[in-house]
């Protein structure tokens, strides 16, 4: 008498064996994933930038430009903007750090004298940090970026690989999209619609982010110029760039604005504090919802949680991609929620 094979037991045994192999070699897998991520990261970043700038290429093509000309214009503009930001911001940061270091010493001395508190240790620690940052920026300004990064061949290599890959992705994005459509349609029509849904979700987010960054630059540059802040242009640029970090990015800009205003004059400090308190509320509750709309509008608590988790897992890069990742997860749930509900229902029946 032959007994039938118990396939459930075989599958469970195989699963337990795979789990044992996986957990017993955790360090090996972590090393493999670390190596793989370091290799793939420049390509992923390059693809993300190309994907974000694709609407600009399409707009230029609609205006009658050939594709190679549109790509060339976008690449030149991005490079010039990047170089311009370095030229505009680094000297300002350097000068401001020098002034800040000098004034912190004076402020702490006055505070210690007024309230009879010994702040010498705090004073030395803060000024050491500022002096280190000043030396690094001064070295960058005096010797140039190439000399400063001369010992970091891996960074330069990754940057060049990413830059070349970005140009390639930018020029070939239409073909990449067509191939993705063909592959997803081959799998299933529903999977194709799912990928299309994700594309619309991220496209709306990138479009809203670009508009919001421009508004932030104009808004805060004008406001800080209006109150007479000497670094109004720098703060406007920082407000624009740090928009990619929800909530916390604006907080960084505001802290820098308040600190730099505190060493100039009391009226400027008061005006800066008013700007930093009032206008972030206007941005968060009026401007941002109108730009992103209901589809990409996320509860502030969820945003803070996503940013915190992203920062814990991936550092600065994790913070930047936290909100887009949440939007993709949310879109996935909304697209497949009926399937999820059906699977849970079937699971309950079989229990």
Protein backbone atom coordinates (compact mmCIF):
# COMPACT_ATOMS: atom_id res chain seq x y z
CA UNK A 1 0.00 0.00 0.00
CA UNK A 2 1.50 3.30 -1.10
CA UNK A 3 0.79 6.49 0.74
CA UNK A 4 0.25 9.78 -1.03
CA UNK A 5 2.85 12.51 -0.71
CA UNK A 6 1.97 15.24 1.76
CA UNK A 7 2.75 18.28 -0.39
CA UNK A 8 1.80 20.74 2.35
CA UNK A 9 4.35 19.14 4.69
CA UNK A 10 7.00 19.21 1.93
CA UNK A 11 6.33 22.88 1.18
CA UNK A 12 6.44 23.76 4.88
CA UNK A 13 9.72 21.88 5.31
CA UNK A 14 11.22 23.64 2.29
CA UNK A 15 10.07 27.01 3.64
CA UNK A 16 11.59 26.32 7.07
CA UNK A 17 14.84 25.23 5.41
CA UNK A 18 14.99 28.46 3.36
CA UNK A 19 14.29 30.53 6.47
CA UNK A 20 17.04 28.70 8.36
CA UNK A 21 19.53 29.30 5.53
CA UNK A 22 18.51 32.94 5.34
CA UNK A 23 18.74 33.69 9.08
CA UNK A 24 21.95 31.72 9.55
CA UNK A 25 23.65 33.85 6.89
CA UNK A 26 22.25 37.26 7.78
CA UNK A 27 25.65 38.98 7.72
CA UNK A 28 26.38 37.57 4.27
CA UNK A 29 23.04 38.78 2.90
CA UNK A 30 23.55 42.22 4.46
CA UNK A 31 26.97 42.51 2.81
CA UNK A 32 25.52 41.40 -0.53
CA UNK A 33 22.65 43.90 -0.29
CA UNK A 34 25.06 46.69 0.73
CA UNK A 35 27.32 45.99 -2.24
CA UNK A 36 24.37 45.72 -4.61
CA UNK A 37 22.83 48.97 -3.36
CA UNK A 38 26.13 50.86 -3.70
CA UNK A 39 26.42 49.65 -7.31
CA UNK A 40 22.79 50.32 -8.25
CA UNK A 41 22.33 53.60 -6.34
CA UNK A 42 23.86 55.92 -9.02
CA UNK A 43 21.64 54.33 -11.67
CA UNK A 44 18.51 54.59 -9.50
CA UNK A 45 19.18 58.25 -8.72
CA UNK A 46 19.92 58.93 -12.40
CA UNK A 47 16.66 57.27 -13.45
CA UNK A 48 14.70 59.23 -10.82
CA UNK A 49 16.10 62.57 -12.08
CA UNK A 50 15.44 61.60 -15.70
CA UNK A 51 11.89 60.54 -14.84
CA UNK A 52 11.30 63.84 -13.02
CA UNK A 53 12.58 65.93 -15.95
CA UNK A 54 10.83 63.96 -18.69
CA UNK A 55 7.82 66.35 -18.75
CA UNK A 56 10.24 69.21 -19.56
CA UNK A 57 11.65 67.21 -22.50
CA UNK A 58 8.14 66.49 -23.76
CA UNK A 59 7.18 70.16 -23.44
CA UNK A 60 10.20 71.26 -25.49
CA UNK A 61 9.43 68.61 -28.12
CA UNK A 62 5.88 69.91 -28.41
CA UNK A 63 7.33 73.35 -29.06
CA UNK A 64 9.03 71.97 -32.17
CA UNK A 65 12.50 71.10 -30.87
CA UNK A 66 14.12 67.83 -31.82
CA UNK A 67 14.66 65.33 -29.04
CA UNK A 68 18.46 65.66 -28.97
CA UNK A 69 18.16 69.45 -28.79
CA UNK A 70 15.63 69.24 -25.95
CA UNK A 71 17.89 66.86 -24.01
CA UNK A 72 20.92 69.11 -24.59
CA UNK A 73 19.06 72.19 -23.34
CA UNK A 74 17.85 70.41 -20.18
CA UNK A 75 21.32 69.03 -19.41
CA UNK A 76 22.98 72.43 -19.89
CA UNK A 77 20.38 74.21 -17.77
CA UNK A 78 20.70 71.68 -14.93
CA UNK A 79 24.52 71.87 -14.98
CA UNK A 80 24.50 75.68 -15.05
CA UNK A 81 21.95 75.86 -12.21
CA UNK A 82 24.04 73.45 -10.12
CA UNK A 83 27.23 75.44 -10.70
CA UNK A 84 25.37 78.69 -10.08
CA UNK A 85 24.04 77.40 -6.75
CA UNK A 86 27.54 76.45 -5.64
CA UNK A 87 28.94 79.85 -6.65
CA UNK A 88 26.04 81.74 -5.05
CA UNK A 89 25.70 79.81 -1.78
CA UNK A 90 29.16 78.62 -0.69
CA UNK A 91 30.72 82.10 -0.26
CA UNK A 92 27.62 83.26 1.62
CA UNK A 93 27.72 80.23 3.91
CA UNK A 94 31.44 80.73 4.51
CA UNK A 95 31.06 84.41 5.42
CA UNK A 96 28.04 83.72 7.61
CA UNK A 97 29.78 80.91 9.48
CA UNK A 98 32.72 83.19 10.20
CA UNK A 99 30.37 85.87 11.54
CA UNK A 100 28.33 83.30 13.48
CA UNK A 101 31.42 81.82 15.16
CA UNK A 102 32.54 85.29 16.26
CA UNK A 103 29.12 86.29 17.59
CA UNK A 104 28.50 83.03 19.46
CA UNK A 105 31.62 83.69 21.52
CA UNK A 106 30.39 87.19 22.36
CA UNK A 107 26.82 86.08 23.10
CA UNK A 108 27.86 83.23 25.41
CA UNK A 109 30.27 85.53 27.27
CA UNK A 110 27.54 88.10 27.83
CA UNK A 111 25.03 85.40 28.88
CA UNK A 112 27.55 83.82 31.29
CA UNK A 113 28.34 87.22 32.79
CA UNK A 114 24.68 88.23 33.10
CA UNK A 115 23.40 85.00 34.72
CA UNK A 116 26.67 83.76 36.28
CA UNK A 117 26.61 80.47 34.30
CA UNK A 118 29.75 78.78 33.01
CA UNK A 119 29.18 78.08 29.28
CA UNK A 120 32.84 77.70 28.32
CA UNK A 121 32.50 74.02 27.40
CA UNK A 122 29.41 74.65 25.28
CA UNK A 123 31.09 77.63 23.64
CA UNK A 124 34.20 75.62 22.72
CA UNK A 125 32.15 72.71 21.34
CA UNK A 126 29.94 74.87 19.11
CA UNK A 127 32.79 76.99 17.82
CA UNK A 128 34.80 73.83 17.06
CA UNK A 129 31.98 72.53 14.86
CA UNK A 130 31.64 75.87 13.10
CA UNK A 131 35.40 76.20 12.63
CA UNK A 132 35.59 72.71 11.07
CA UNK A 133 32.76 73.54 8.67
CA UNK A 134 34.38 76.87 7.82
CA UNK A 135 37.73 75.23 7.10
CA UNK A 136 36.11 72.66 4.80
CA UNK A 137 34.19 75.30 2.85
CA UNK A 138 37.24 77.56 2.76
CA UNK A 139 39.32 74.70 1.36
CA UNK A 140 36.63 74.09 -1.25
CA UNK A 141 36.57 77.75 -2.27
CA UNK A 142 40.35 78.21 -2.34
CA UNK A 143 41.50 74.94 -3.96
CA UNK A 144 38.42 74.00 -5.90
CA UNK A 145 36.13 71.00 -5.76
CA UNK A 146 38.51 68.75 -7.71
CA UNK A 147 41.35 69.21 -5.21
CA UNK A 148 39.04 68.62 -2.24
CA UNK A 149 37.59 65.47 -3.76
CA UNK A 150 40.90 64.26 -5.13
CA UNK A 151 41.13 61.45 -2.59
CA UNK A 152 37.55 60.31 -3.07
CA UNK A 153 37.82 58.43 -6.35
CA UNK A 154 34.80 56.26 -5.57
CA UNK A 155 32.58 59.32 -5.15
CA UNK A 156 33.86 60.90 -8.36
CA UNK A 157 33.44 57.60 -10.21
CA UNK A 158 29.87 57.12 -8.94
CA UNK A 159 29.02 60.71 -9.78
CA UNK A 160 30.31 60.40 -13.34
CA UNK A 161 28.55 57.06 -13.84
CA UNK A 162 25.31 58.54 -12.51
CA UNK A 163 25.66 61.67 -14.65
CA UNK A 164 26.21 59.66 -17.87
CA UNK A 165 23.38 57.29 -16.96
CA UNK A 166 21.10 60.28 -16.32
CA UNK A 167 21.76 61.67 -19.80
CA UNK A 168 21.12 58.23 -21.33
CA UNK A 169 17.86 57.75 -19.39
CA UNK A 170 16.79 61.28 -20.29
CA UNK A 171 17.37 60.69 -24.01
CA UNK A 172 15.85 57.18 -24.05
CA UNK A 173 12.94 57.57 -21.64
CA UNK A 174 10.29 57.08 -24.36
CA UNK A 175 11.79 53.72 -25.35
CA UNK A 176 12.09 52.70 -21.70
CA UNK A 177 8.42 53.52 -21.15
CA UNK A 178 7.41 51.50 -24.24
CA UNK A 179 9.39 48.48 -23.04
CA UNK A 180 7.83 48.70 -19.58
CA UNK A 181 4.37 48.85 -21.17
CA UNK A 182 5.09 45.78 -23.31
CA UNK A 183 6.46 43.77 -20.37
CA UNK A 184 3.63 44.68 -17.97
CA UNK A 185 0.96 43.98 -20.60
CA UNK A 186 2.57 40.60 -21.23
CA UNK A 187 2.18 39.78 -17.53
CA UNK A 188 -1.45 40.96 -17.33
CA UNK A 189 -3.64 43.91 -18.24
CA UNK A 190 -4.37 44.54 -14.58
CA UNK A 191 -0.66 44.75 -13.75
CA UNK A 192 -0.23 47.22 -16.62
CA UNK A 193 -3.02 49.39 -15.18
CA UNK A 194 -1.39 49.15 -11.75
CA UNK A 195 1.96 50.42 -13.08
CA UNK A 196 0.09 53.17 -14.93
CA UNK A 197 -1.61 54.14 -11.64
CA UNK A 198 1.77 54.39 -9.90
CA UNK A 199 3.10 56.48 -12.78
CA UNK A 200 0.22 58.96 -12.44
CA UNK A 201 0.65 59.11 -8.64
CA UNK A 202 4.38 59.85 -8.76
CA UNK A 203 3.93 62.18 -11.76
CA UNK A 204 1.44 64.28 -9.79
CA UNK A 205 3.80 64.35 -6.80
CA UNK A 206 6.81 65.48 -8.88
CA UNK A 207 4.76 68.13 -10.67
CA UNK A 208 3.41 69.47 -7.37
CA UNK A 209 6.86 69.37 -5.77
CA UNK A 210 8.42 71.35 -8.63
CA UNK A 211 5.73 74.05 -8.42
CA UNK A 212 5.99 74.18 -4.62
CA UNK A 213 9.80 74.54 -4.77
CA UNK A 214 9.50 77.55 -7.09
CA UNK A 215 6.85 79.12 -4.83
CA UNK A 216 9.03 78.54 -1.75
CA UNK A 217 12.02 80.21 -3.41
CA UNK A 218 10.04 83.29 -4.49
CA UNK A 219 8.07 83.51 -1.25
CA UNK A 220 10.92 83.29 1.25
CA UNK A 221 13.43 85.24 -0.83
CA UNK A 222 10.93 88.10 -0.98
CA UNK A 223 9.93 87.88 2.69
CA UNK A 224 13.50 87.82 4.02
CA UNK A 225 14.46 90.63 1.63
CA UNK A 226 11.44 92.60 2.86
CA UNK A 227 12.56 92.44 6.51
CA UNK A 228 16.14 93.31 5.52
CA UNK A 229 17.79 89.96 6.12
CA UNK A 230 21.34 90.10 4.67
CA UNK A 231 21.13 86.46 3.49
CA UNK A 232 17.70 86.60 1.88
CA UNK A 233 18.88 84.92 -1.34
CA UNK A 234 20.61 82.08 0.51
CA UNK A 235 17.54 81.46 2.68
CA UNK A 236 15.31 81.49 -0.40
CA UNK A 237 17.52 78.88 -2.08
CA UNK A 238 17.57 76.76 1.09
CA UNK A 239 13.78 76.99 1.40
CA UNK A 240 13.51 75.80 -2.20
CA UNK A 241 15.97 72.89 -1.88
CA UNK A 242 14.82 71.65 1.54
CA UNK A 243 11.23 71.39 0.27
CA UNK A 244 12.09 67.79 -0.69
CA UNK A 245 12.21 67.07 3.08
CA UNK A 246 8.62 67.58 4.30
CA UNK A 247 8.24 69.74 7.45
CA UNK A 248 11.80 69.19 8.69
CA UNK A 249 13.34 70.88 5.64
CA UNK A 250 11.50 74.12 6.35
CA UNK A 251 12.49 73.85 10.01
CA UNK A 252 16.17 73.72 9.04
CA UNK A 253 15.81 76.88 6.93
CA UNK A 254 13.95 78.69 9.71
CA UNK A 255 16.58 77.81 12.33
CA UNK A 256 19.37 79.10 10.07
CA UNK A 257 17.38 82.25 9.37
CA UNK A 258 16.77 82.94 13.08
CA UNK A 259 20.38 82.27 14.09
CA UNK A 260 21.80 84.52 11.38
CA UNK A 261 19.28 87.26 12.21
CA UNK A 262 20.11 87.10 15.92
CA UNK A 263 23.66 88.31 15.28
CA UNK A 264 22.52 91.31 13.24
CA UNK A 265 19.80 93.18 15.15
CA UNK A 266 16.79 92.68 17.41
CA UNK A 267 14.19 94.10 14.92
CA UNK A 268 15.50 91.73 12.23
CA UNK A 269 15.30 88.82 14.66
CA UNK A 270 11.67 89.66 15.50
CA UNK A 271 10.74 89.97 11.82
CA UNK A 272 12.45 86.67 11.01
CA UNK A 273 10.68 84.87 13.86
CA UNK A 274 7.31 86.19 12.63
CA UNK A 275 8.07 84.88 9.12
CA UNK A 276 9.18 81.49 10.49
CA UNK A 277 6.01 81.11 12.59
CA UNK A 278 3.28 82.51 10.31
CA UNK A 279 4.21 81.51 6.77
CA UNK A 280 4.94 77.78 7.31
CA UNK A 281 1.33 77.53 8.54
CA UNK A 282 0.16 79.26 5.36
CA UNK A 283 2.28 76.87 3.27
CA UNK A 284 1.08 73.75 5.11
CA UNK A 285 -2.64 74.47 5.32
CA UNK A 286 -3.36 76.67 2.26
CA UNK A 287 -0.70 76.52 -0.46
CA UNK A 288 0.42 72.88 -0.21
CA UNK A 289 -3.10 71.31 -0.35
CA UNK A 290 -3.99 73.48 -3.35
CA UNK A 291 -0.85 72.44 -5.25
CA UNK A 292 -0.79 68.73 -4.44
CA UNK A 293 -4.55 68.34 -4.45
CA UNK A 294 -6.46 65.59 -2.71
CA UNK A 295 -4.61 62.76 -4.47
CA UNK A 296 -1.15 63.57 -3.09
CA UNK A 297 -2.23 65.36 0.07
CA UNK A 298 -1.00 63.37 3.10
CA UNK A 299 -1.89 63.70 6.77
CA UNK A 300 0.90 65.61 8.58
CA UNK A 301 1.27 62.89 11.23
CA UNK A 302 1.71 60.20 8.56
CA UNK A 303 4.25 62.41 6.77
CA UNK A 304 6.30 62.84 9.96
CA UNK A 305 6.16 59.10 10.63
CA UNK A 306 7.23 58.30 7.06
CA UNK A 307 10.12 60.76 7.23
CA UNK A 308 11.25 59.36 10.59
CA UNK A 309 11.18 55.77 9.32
CA UNK A 310 12.93 56.77 6.09
CA UNK A 311 15.64 58.60 8.02
CA UNK A 312 16.20 55.62 10.33
CA UNK A 313 16.50 53.18 7.42
CA UNK A 314 18.24 55.22 4.75
CA UNK A 315 19.60 58.46 6.20
CA UNK A 316 19.20 61.59 4.07
CA UNK A 317 18.22 59.59 0.98
CA UNK A 318 15.63 57.71 3.03
CA UNK A 319 14.15 60.99 4.24
CA UNK A 320 13.86 62.30 0.67
CA UNK A 321 12.17 59.19 -0.74
CA UNK A 322 9.99 58.50 2.33
CA UNK A 323 6.95 60.43 1.11
CA UNK A 324 7.04 59.11 -2.50
CA UNK A 325 7.44 55.58 -1.10
CA UNK A 326 4.39 56.08 1.12
CA UNK A 327 2.39 57.39 -1.85
CA UNK A 328 3.31 54.25 -3.84
CA UNK A 329 2.28 52.00 -0.94
CA UNK A 330 -1.00 53.88 -0.55
CA UNK A 331 -1.71 53.71 -4.29
CA UNK A 332 -0.95 49.97 -4.24
CA UNK A 333 -3.41 49.43 -1.40
CA UNK A 334 -6.16 51.44 -3.08
CA UNK A 335 -5.63 49.59 -6.37
CA UNK A 336 -5.60 46.10 -4.84
CA UNK A 337 -7.77 46.67 -1.78
CA UNK A 338 -10.57 44.47 -3.13
CA UNK A 339 -8.12 41.67 -3.78
CA UNK A 340 -6.68 42.09 -0.28
CA UNK A 341 -10.14 42.01 1.26
CA UNK A 342 -11.04 38.90 -0.74
CA UNK A 343 -7.84 37.13 0.32
CA UNK A 344 -8.46 37.94 3.99
CA UNK A 345 -12.04 36.69 3.69
CA UNK A 346 -10.91 33.40 2.12
CA UNK A 347 -8.24 33.02 4.80
CA UNK A 348 -10.82 33.41 7.56
CA UNK A 349 -13.04 30.78 5.93
CA UNK A 350 -10.19 28.27 5.80
CA UNK A 351 -9.15 28.81 9.43
